[in-house]
Amino acid sequence: MLPTLSDGDTVITTKPRVVHAGLIYVVNHSDLGLIIKRLDSFDSRGRARLAGDNPGSTPSAVMGTIETERFIGRARFAYGKSGFRKL
């Protein structure tokens, strides 16, 4: 998620009631485990497409779509070398 998040950053999350495109979430991916990605869009069946902020991150086509029930938390704040910041 560079440049938004760096390795070692601590992320504070809240449980999402509703998920919205453009926001960052912690997701329990069936193949990749726990990941932090931005919700890019929804497909016609309501499944989420995820994307990383870094152009070199795993592409959406590789991650596939994911059910919104797998969203664990919405990333609200991060703390790391660059200080405390709102996401």
PDB file of N, CA and C in Angstrom:
ATOM      1  N   MET A   1       0.814  -1.204   0.000  1.00  0.00           N
ATOM      2  CA  MET A   1       0.000   0.000   0.000  1.00  0.00           C
ATOM      3  C   MET A   1       0.853   1.262   0.000  1.00  0.00           C
ATOM      4  N   LEU A   2       2.159   1.103  -0.297  1.00  0.00           N
ATOM      5  CA  LEU A   2       2.971   2.301  -0.472  1.00  0.00           C
ATOM      6  C   LEU A   2       2.366   3.170  -1.561  1.00  0.00           C
ATOM      7  N   PRO A   3       2.323   4.416  -1.484  1.00  0.00           N
ATOM      8  CA  PRO A   3       2.914   5.276  -0.464  1.00  0.00           C
ATOM      9  C   PRO A   3       1.995   5.563   0.721  1.00  0.00           C
ATOM     10  N   THR A   4       0.758   5.075   0.700  1.00  0.00           N
ATOM     11  CA  THR A   4      -0.190   5.376   1.774  1.00  0.00           C
ATOM     12  C   THR A   4       0.233   4.738   3.086  1.00  0.00           C
ATOM     13  N   LEU A   5       0.628   3.465   3.036  1.00  0.00           N
ATOM     14  CA  LEU A   5       1.083   2.737   4.214  1.00  0.00           C
ATOM     15  C   LEU A   5       2.474   2.181   3.947  1.00  0.00           C
ATOM     16  N   SER A   6       3.302   2.164   4.980  1.00  0.00           N
ATOM     17  CA  SER A   6       4.648   1.609   4.873  1.00  0.00           C
ATOM     18  C   SER A   6       4.749   0.361   5.715  1.00  0.00           C
ATOM     19  N   ASP A   7       5.702  -0.490   5.385  1.00  0.00           N
ATOM     20  CA  ASP A   7       5.956  -1.688   6.174  1.00  0.00           C
ATOM     21  C   ASP A   7       6.254  -1.263   7.605  1.00  0.00           C
ATOM     22  N   GLY A   8       5.585  -1.874   8.556  1.00  0.00           N
ATOM     23  CA  GLY A   8       5.786  -1.541   9.961  1.00  0.00           C
ATOM     24  C   GLY A   8       4.791  -0.550  10.526  1.00  0.00           C
ATOM     25  N   ASP A   9       3.991   0.080   9.683  1.00  0.00           N
ATOM     26  CA  ASP A   9       2.959   0.984  10.190  1.00  0.00           C
ATOM     27  C   ASP A   9       1.942   0.215  11.026  1.00  0.00           C
ATOM     28  N   THR A  10       1.460   0.847  12.069  1.00  0.00           N
ATOM     29  CA  THR A  10       0.356   0.311  12.854  1.00  0.00           C
ATOM     30  C   THR A  10      -0.915   0.946  12.324  1.00  0.00           C
ATOM     31  N   VAL A  11      -1.918   0.106  12.060  1.00  0.00           N
ATOM     32  CA  VAL A  11      -3.171   0.594  11.490  1.00  0.00           C
ATOM     33  C   VAL A  11      -4.289   0.412  12.506  1.00  0.00           C
ATOM     34  N   ILE A  12      -5.060   1.464  12.726  1.00  0.00           N
ATOM     35  CA  ILE A  12      -6.220   1.411  13.621  1.00  0.00           C
ATOM     36  C   ILE A  12      -7.455   1.271  12.748  1.00  0.00           C
ATOM     37  N   THR A  13      -8.280   0.275  13.068  1.00  0.00           N
ATOM     38  CA  THR A  13      -9.461  -0.015  12.256  1.00  0.00           C
ATOM     39  C   THR A  13     -10.740   0.060  13.084  1.00  0.00           C
ATOM     40  N   THR A  14     -11.844   0.175  12.375  1.00  0.00           N
ATOM     41  CA  THR A  14     -13.167   0.037  12.978  1.00  0.00           C
ATOM     42  C   THR A  14     -13.925  -1.001  12.165  1.00  0.00           C
ATOM     43  N   LYS A  15     -14.871  -1.648  12.794  1.00  0.00           N
ATOM     44  CA  LYS A  15     -15.670  -2.646  12.085  1.00  0.00           C
ATOM     45  C   LYS A  15     -16.597  -1.932  11.105  1.00  0.00           C
ATOM     46  N   PRO A  16     -16.535  -2.304   9.832  1.00  0.00           N
ATOM     47  CA  PRO A  16     -17.379  -1.611   8.849  1.00  0.00           C
ATOM     48  C   PRO A  16     -18.827  -2.111   8.884  1.00  0.00           C
ATOM     49  N   ARG A  17     -19.762  -1.195   8.901  1.00  0.00           N
ATOM     50  CA  ARG A  17     -21.180  -1.554   8.776  1.00  0.00           C
ATOM     51  C   ARG A  17     -21.534  -1.703   7.309  1.00  0.00           C
ATOM     52  N   VAL A  18     -21.025  -0.768   6.522  1.00  0.00           N
ATOM     53  CA  VAL A  18     -21.215  -0.745   5.074  1.00  0.00           C
ATOM     54  C   VAL A  18     -19.845  -0.461   4.473  1.00  0.00           C
ATOM     55  N   VAL A  19     -19.537  -1.071   3.341  1.00  0.00           N
ATOM     56  CA  VAL A  19     -18.250  -0.799   2.701  1.00  0.00           C
ATOM     57  C   VAL A  19     -18.453   0.115   1.495  1.00  0.00           C
ATOM     58  N   HIS A  20     -17.491   1.010   1.296  1.00  0.00           N
ATOM     59  CA  HIS A  20     -17.578   2.006   0.234  1.00  0.00           C
ATOM     60  C   HIS A  20     -16.316   1.980  -0.619  1.00  0.00           C
ATOM     61  N   ALA A  21     -16.484   2.099  -1.911  1.00  0.00           N
ATOM     62  CA  ALA A  21     -15.352   2.179  -2.822  1.00  0.00           C
ATOM     63  C   ALA A  21     -14.498   3.388  -2.479  1.00  0.00           C
ATOM     64  N   GLY A  22     -13.193   3.229  -2.623  1.00  0.00           N
ATOM     65  CA  GLY A  22     -12.254   4.305  -2.365  1.00  0.00           C
ATOM     66  C   GLY A  22     -11.626   4.267  -0.986  1.00  0.00           C
ATOM     67  N   LEU A  23     -12.193   3.491  -0.061  1.00  0.00           N
ATOM     68  CA  LEU A  23     -11.661   3.422   1.297  1.00  0.00           C
ATOM     69  C   LEU A  23     -10.760   2.196   1.458  1.00  0.00           C
ATOM     70  N   ILE A  24      -9.942   2.200   2.511  1.00  0.00           N
ATOM     71  CA  ILE A  24      -8.985   1.127   2.756  1.00  0.00           C
ATOM     72  C   ILE A  24      -9.555   0.176   3.807  1.00  0.00           C
ATOM     73  N   TYR A  25      -9.414  -1.130   3.542  1.00  0.00           N
ATOM     74  CA  TYR A  25      -9.968  -2.159   4.428  1.00  0.00           C
ATOM     75  C   TYR A  25      -8.961  -3.262   4.704  1.00  0.00           C
ATOM     76  N   VAL A  26      -9.130  -3.909   5.854  1.00  0.00           N
ATOM     77  CA  VAL A  26      -8.445  -5.160   6.160  1.00  0.00           C
ATOM     78  C   VAL A  26      -9.401  -6.266   5.738  1.00  0.00           C
ATOM     79  N   VAL A  27      -8.906  -7.180   4.928  1.00  0.00           N
ATOM     80  CA  VAL A  27      -9.749  -8.213   4.333  1.00  0.00           C
ATOM     81  C   VAL A  27      -9.123  -9.574   4.594  1.00  0.00           C
ATOM     82  N   ASN A  28      -9.948 -10.551   4.915  1.00  0.00           N
ATOM     83  CA  ASN A  28      -9.499 -11.933   5.055  1.00  0.00           C
ATOM     84  C   ASN A  28      -9.666 -12.605   3.693  1.00  0.00           C
ATOM     85  N   HIS A  29      -8.627 -12.534   2.876  1.00  0.00           N
ATOM     86  CA  HIS A  29      -8.666 -13.076   1.521  1.00  0.00           C
ATOM     87  C   HIS A  29      -8.499 -14.601   1.581  1.00  0.00           C
ATOM     88  N   SER A  30      -9.267 -15.312   0.783  1.00  0.00           N
ATOM     89  CA  SER A  30      -9.253 -16.777   0.825  1.00  0.00           C
ATOM     90  C   SER A  30      -7.895 -17.367   0.451  1.00  0.00           C
ATOM     91  N   ASP A  31      -7.128 -16.725  -0.397  1.00  0.00           N
ATOM     92  CA  ASP A  31      -5.820 -17.244  -0.804  1.00  0.00           C
ATOM     93  C   ASP A  31      -4.652 -16.496  -0.171  1.00  0.00           C
ATOM     94  N   LEU A  32      -4.794 -15.210   0.040  1.00  0.00           N
ATOM     95  CA  LEU A  32      -3.689 -14.373   0.493  1.00  0.00           C
ATOM     96  C   LEU A  32      -3.682 -14.120   1.997  1.00  0.00           C
ATOM     97  N   GLY A  33      -4.720 -14.546   2.709  1.00  0.00           N
ATOM     98  CA  GLY A  33      -4.802 -14.307   4.146  1.00  0.00           C
ATOM     99  C   GLY A  33      -5.228 -12.877   4.434  1.00  0.00           C
ATOM    100  N   LEU A  34      -4.766 -12.331   5.550  1.00  0.00           N
ATOM    101  CA  LEU A  34      -5.123 -10.954   5.914  1.00  0.00           C
ATOM    102  C   LEU A  34      -4.322  -9.981   5.062  1.00  0.00           C
ATOM    103  N   ILE A  35      -5.036  -9.112   4.372  1.00  0.00           N
ATOM    104  CA  ILE A  35      -4.395  -8.110   3.528  1.00  0.00           C
ATOM    105  C   ILE A  35      -5.059  -6.755   3.772  1.00  0.00           C
ATOM    106  N   ILE A  36      -4.335  -5.699   3.461  1.00  0.00           N
ATOM    107  CA  ILE A  36      -4.886  -4.345   3.522  1.00  0.00           C
ATOM    108  C   ILE A  36      -4.875  -3.797   2.101  1.00  0.00           C
ATOM    109  N   LYS A  37      -6.063  -3.489   1.607  1.00  0.00           N
ATOM    110  CA  LYS A  37      -6.193  -2.988   0.232  1.00  0.00           C
ATOM    111  C   LYS A  37      -7.306  -1.951   0.169  1.00  0.00           C
ATOM    112  N   ARG A  38      -7.300  -1.192  -0.905  1.00  0.00           N
ATOM    113  CA  ARG A  38      -8.348  -0.208  -1.157  1.00  0.00           C
ATOM    114  C   ARG A  38      -9.470  -0.883  -1.938  1.00  0.00           C
ATOM    115  N   LEU A  39     -10.711  -0.617  -1.553  1.00  0.00           N
ATOM    116  CA  LEU A  39     -11.865  -1.129  -2.293  1.00  0.00           C
ATOM    117  C   LEU A  39     -12.005  -0.302  -3.562  1.00  0.00           C
ATOM    118  N   ASP A  40     -11.805  -0.953  -4.695  1.00  0.00           N
ATOM    119  CA  ASP A  40     -11.821  -0.261  -5.978  1.00  0.00           C
ATOM    120  C   ASP A  40     -13.241  -0.110  -6.514  1.00  0.00           C
ATOM    121  N   SER A  41     -13.981  -1.219  -6.573  1.00  0.00           N
ATOM    122  CA  SER A  41     -15.321  -1.194  -7.163  1.00  0.00           C
ATOM    123  C   SER A  41     -16.043  -2.489  -6.825  1.00  0.00           C
ATOM    124  N   PHE A  42     -17.276  -2.585  -7.302  1.00  0.00           N
ATOM    125  CA  PHE A  42     -18.076  -3.796  -7.133  1.00  0.00           C
ATOM    126  C   PHE A  42     -18.420  -4.356  -8.503  1.00  0.00           C
ATOM    127  N   ASP A  43     -18.492  -5.681  -8.600  1.00  0.00           N
ATOM    128  CA  ASP A  43     -18.938  -6.275  -9.863  1.00  0.00           C
ATOM    129  C   ASP A  43     -20.466  -6.358  -9.868  1.00  0.00           C
ATOM    130  N   SER A  44     -21.030  -6.919 -10.905  1.00  0.00           N
ATOM    131  CA  SER A  44     -22.492  -6.963 -11.060  1.00  0.00           C
ATOM    132  C   SER A  44     -23.166  -7.838 -10.005  1.00  0.00           C
ATOM    133  N   ARG A  45     -22.410  -8.705  -9.350  1.00  0.00           N
ATOM    134  CA  ARG A  45     -22.972  -9.570  -8.291  1.00  0.00           C
ATOM    135  C   ARG A  45     -22.743  -9.003  -6.895  1.00  0.00           C
ATOM    136  N   GLY A  46     -22.176  -7.786  -6.814  1.00  0.00           N
ATOM    137  CA  GLY A  46     -21.954  -7.151  -5.518  1.00  0.00           C
ATOM    138  C   GLY A  46     -20.671  -7.571  -4.837  1.00  0.00           C
ATOM    139  N   ARG A  47     -19.823  -8.312  -5.532  1.00  0.00           N
ATOM    140  CA  ARG A  47     -18.535  -8.713  -4.973  1.00  0.00           C
ATOM    141  C   ARG A  47     -17.527  -7.586  -5.194  1.00  0.00           C
ATOM    142  N   ALA A  48     -16.603  -7.448  -4.255  1.00  0.00           N
ATOM    143  CA  ALA A  48     -15.663  -6.326  -4.254  1.00  0.00           C
ATOM    144  C   ALA A  48     -14.408  -6.626  -5.067  1.00  0.00           C
ATOM    145  N   ARG A  49     -13.938  -5.605  -5.763  1.00  0.00           N
ATOM    146  CA  ARG A  49     -12.640  -5.627  -6.437  1.00  0.00           C
ATOM    147  C   ARG A  49     -11.698  -4.773  -5.609  1.00  0.00           C
ATOM    148  N   LEU A  50     -10.546  -5.327  -5.259  1.00  0.00           N
ATOM    149  CA  LEU A  50      -9.576  -4.630  -4.432  1.00  0.00           C
ATOM    150  C   LEU A  50      -8.402  -4.148  -5.273  1.00  0.00           C
ATOM    151  N   ALA A  51      -7.732  -3.117  -4.798  1.00  0.00           N
ATOM    152  CA  ALA A  51      -6.549  -2.601  -5.485  1.00  0.00           C
ATOM    153  C   ALA A  51      -5.575  -2.054  -4.454  1.00  0.00           C
ATOM    154  N   GLY A  52      -4.304  -2.158  -4.771  1.00  0.00           N
ATOM    155  CA  GLY A  52      -3.275  -1.552  -3.933  1.00  0.00           C
ATOM    156  C   GLY A  52      -2.950  -0.165  -4.445  1.00  0.00           C
ATOM    157  N   ASP A  53      -2.431   0.687  -3.574  1.00  0.00           N
ATOM    158  CA  ASP A  53      -2.043   2.033  -3.983  1.00  0.00           C
ATOM    159  C   ASP A  53      -0.718   2.021  -4.744  1.00  0.00           C
ATOM    160  N   ASN A  54       0.076   0.981  -4.551  1.00  0.00           N
ATOM    161  CA  ASN A  54       1.360   0.862  -5.207  1.00  0.00           C
ATOM    162  C   ASN A  54       1.179   0.193  -6.567  1.00  0.00           C
ATOM    163  N   PRO A  55       1.664   0.804  -7.649  1.00  0.00           N
ATOM    164  CA  PRO A  55       1.513   0.195  -8.973  1.00  0.00           C
ATOM    165  C   PRO A  55       2.127  -1.205  -9.065  1.00  0.00           C
ATOM    166  N   GLY A  56       3.073  -1.527  -8.194  1.00  0.00           N
ATOM    167  CA  GLY A  56       3.709  -2.840  -8.201  1.00  0.00           C
ATOM    168  C   GLY A  56       3.011  -3.875  -7.339  1.00  0.00           C
ATOM    169  N   SER A  57       1.881  -3.522  -6.727  1.00  0.00           N
ATOM    170  CA  SER A  57       1.189  -4.478  -5.850  1.00  0.00           C
ATOM    171  C   SER A  57       0.443  -5.526  -6.668  1.00  0.00           C
ATOM    172  N   THR A  58      -0.026  -6.549  -5.996  1.00  0.00           N
ATOM    173  CA  THR A  58      -0.758  -7.627  -6.647  1.00  0.00           C
ATOM    174  C   THR A  58      -1.948  -7.049  -7.405  1.00  0.00           C
ATOM    175  N   PRO A  59      -2.071  -7.337  -8.692  1.00  0.00           N
ATOM    176  CA  PRO A  59      -3.173  -6.782  -9.491  1.00  0.00           C
ATOM    177  C   PRO A  59      -4.535  -7.329  -9.087  1.00  0.00           C
ATOM    178  N   SER A  60      -5.562  -6.538  -9.319  1.00  0.00           N
ATOM    179  CA  SER A  60      -6.936  -6.948  -9.017  1.00  0.00           C
ATOM    180  C   SER A  60      -7.295  -8.251  -9.715  1.00  0.00           C
ATOM    181  N   ALA A  61      -6.822  -8.431 -10.934  1.00  0.00           N
ATOM    182  CA  ALA A  61      -7.140  -9.648 -11.692  1.00  0.00           C
ATOM    183  C   ALA A  61      -6.604 -10.896 -10.995  1.00  0.00           C
ATOM    184  N   VAL A  62      -5.486 -10.789 -10.313  1.00  0.00           N
ATOM    185  CA  VAL A  62      -4.910 -11.919  -9.592  1.00  0.00           C
ATOM    186  C   VAL A  62      -5.668 -12.157  -8.289  1.00  0.00           C
ATOM    187  N   MET A  63      -6.031 -11.084  -7.591  1.00  0.00           N
ATOM    188  CA  MET A  63      -6.761 -11.219  -6.320  1.00  0.00           C
ATOM    189  C   MET A  63      -8.182 -11.711  -6.539  1.00  0.00           C
ATOM    190  N   GLY A  64      -8.751 -11.384  -7.684  1.00  0.00           N
ATOM    191  CA  GLY A  64     -10.135 -11.753  -7.946  1.00  0.00           C
ATOM    192  C   GLY A  64     -11.097 -10.897  -7.143  1.00  0.00           C
ATOM    193  N   THR A  65     -12.367 -11.230  -7.232  1.00  0.00           N
ATOM    194  CA  THR A  65     -13.365 -10.506  -6.447  1.00  0.00           C
ATOM    195  C   THR A  65     -13.573 -11.223  -5.124  1.00  0.00           C
ATOM    196  N   ILE A  66     -14.117 -10.493  -4.164  1.00  0.00           N
ATOM    197  CA  ILE A  66     -14.258 -11.041  -2.815  1.00  0.00           C
ATOM    198  C   ILE A  66     -15.585 -10.601  -2.213  1.00  0.00           C
ATOM    199  N   GLU A  67     -16.175 -11.469  -1.417  1.00  0.00           N
ATOM    200  CA  GLU A  67     -17.438 -11.154  -0.754  1.00  0.00           C
ATOM    201  C   GLU A  67     -17.200 -10.103   0.331  1.00  0.00           C
ATOM    202  N   THR A  68     -18.137  -9.200   0.484  1.00  0.00           N
ATOM    203  CA  THR A  68     -17.979  -8.140   1.483  1.00  0.00           C
ATOM    204  C   THR A  68     -18.004  -8.695   2.909  1.00  0.00           C
ATOM    205  N   GLU A  69     -18.492  -9.905   3.106  1.00  0.00           N
ATOM    206  CA  GLU A  69     -18.480 -10.527   4.437  1.00  0.00           C
ATOM    207  C   GLU A  69     -17.055 -10.783   4.913  1.00  0.00           C
ATOM    208  N   ARG A  70     -16.104 -10.801   4.005  1.00  0.00           N
ATOM    209  CA  ARG A  70     -14.704 -11.045   4.355  1.00  0.00           C
ATOM    210  C   ARG A  70     -13.980  -9.774   4.805  1.00  0.00           C
ATOM    211  N   PHE A  71     -14.668  -8.638   4.780  1.00  0.00           N
ATOM    212  CA  PHE A  71     -14.071  -7.381   5.222  1.00  0.00           C
ATOM    213  C   PHE A  71     -14.091  -7.349   6.744  1.00  0.00           C
ATOM    214  N   ILE A  72     -12.930  -7.249   7.346  1.00  0.00           N
ATOM    215  CA  ILE A  72     -12.804  -7.312   8.802  1.00  0.00           C
ATOM    216  C   ILE A  72     -12.840  -5.927   9.428  1.00  0.00           C
ATOM    217  N   GLY A  73     -12.163  -4.969   8.817  1.00  0.00           N
ATOM    218  CA  GLY A  73     -12.111  -3.639   9.402  1.00  0.00           C
ATOM    219  C   GLY A  73     -11.808  -2.578   8.363  1.00  0.00           C
ATOM    220  N   ARG A  74     -12.250  -1.374   8.653  1.00  0.00           N
ATOM    221  CA  ARG A  74     -11.915  -0.227   7.815  1.00  0.00           C
ATOM    222  C   ARG A  74     -10.729   0.482   8.443  1.00  0.00           C
ATOM    223  N   ALA A  75      -9.679   0.680   7.674  1.00  0.00           N
ATOM    224  CA  ALA A  75      -8.486   1.364   8.164  1.00  0.00           C
ATOM    225  C   ALA A  75      -8.805   2.850   8.326  1.00  0.00           C
ATOM    226  N   ARG A  76      -8.704   3.334   9.552  1.00  0.00           N
ATOM    227  CA  ARG A  76      -9.058   4.731   9.841  1.00  0.00           C
ATOM    228  C   ARG A  76      -7.833   5.609  10.066  1.00  0.00           C
ATOM    229  N   PHE A  77      -6.843   5.079  10.766  1.00  0.00           N
ATOM    230  CA  PHE A  77      -5.639   5.827  11.109  1.00  0.00           C
ATOM    231  C   PHE A  77      -4.429   4.925  10.962  1.00  0.00           C
ATOM    232  N   ALA A  78      -3.269   5.543  10.768  1.00  0.00           N
ATOM    233  CA  ALA A  78      -2.010   4.803  10.719  1.00  0.00           C
ATOM    234  C   ALA A  78      -0.975   5.566  11.525  1.00  0.00           C
ATOM    235  N   TYR A  79      -0.076   4.807  12.133  1.00  0.00           N
ATOM    236  CA  TYR A  79       1.014   5.401  12.885  1.00  0.00           C
ATOM    237  C   TYR A  79       2.297   4.703  12.479  1.00  0.00           C
ATOM    238  N   GLY A  80       3.292   5.482  12.142  1.00  0.00           N
ATOM    239  CA  GLY A  80       4.576   4.921  11.747  1.00  0.00           C
ATOM    240  C   GLY A  80       5.644   5.988  11.745  1.00  0.00           C
ATOM    241  N   LYS A  81       6.680   5.756  10.940  1.00  0.00           N
ATOM    242  CA  LYS A  81       7.813   6.691  10.865  1.00  0.00           C
ATOM    243  C   LYS A  81       7.378   8.099  10.469  1.00  0.00           C
ATOM    244  N   SER A  82       6.334   8.188   9.663  1.00  0.00           N
ATOM    245  CA  SER A  82       5.852   9.516   9.232  1.00  0.00           C
ATOM    246  C   SER A  82       4.837  10.114  10.192  1.00  0.00           C
ATOM    247  N   GLY A  83       4.659   9.498  11.364  1.00  0.00           N
ATOM    248  CA  GLY A  83       3.770  10.039  12.379  1.00  0.00           C
ATOM    249  C   GLY A  83       2.374   9.442  12.334  1.00  0.00           C
ATOM    250  N   PHE A  84       1.468  10.072  13.048  1.00  0.00           N
ATOM    251  CA  PHE A  84       0.073   9.639  13.148  1.00  0.00           C
ATOM    252  C   PHE A  84      -0.705  10.352  12.068  1.00  0.00           C
ATOM    253  N   ARG A  85      -1.490   9.599  11.290  1.00  0.00           N
ATOM    254  CA  ARG A  85      -2.247  10.222  10.213  1.00  0.00           C
ATOM    255  C   ARG A  85      -3.584   9.536   9.985  1.00  0.00           C
ATOM    256  N   LYS A  86      -4.535  10.310   9.512  1.00  0.00           N
ATOM    257  CA  LYS A  86      -5.855   9.799   9.165  1.00  0.00           C
ATOM    258  C   LYS A  86      -5.799   9.232   7.753  1.00  0.00           C
ATOM    259  N   LEU A  87      -6.463   8.107   7.557  1.00  0.00           N
ATOM    260  CA  LEU A  87      -6.485   7.494   6.231  1.00  0.00           C
ATOM    261  C   LEU A  87      -7.764   7.814   5.501  1.00  0.00           C
TER     262      LEU A  87
END
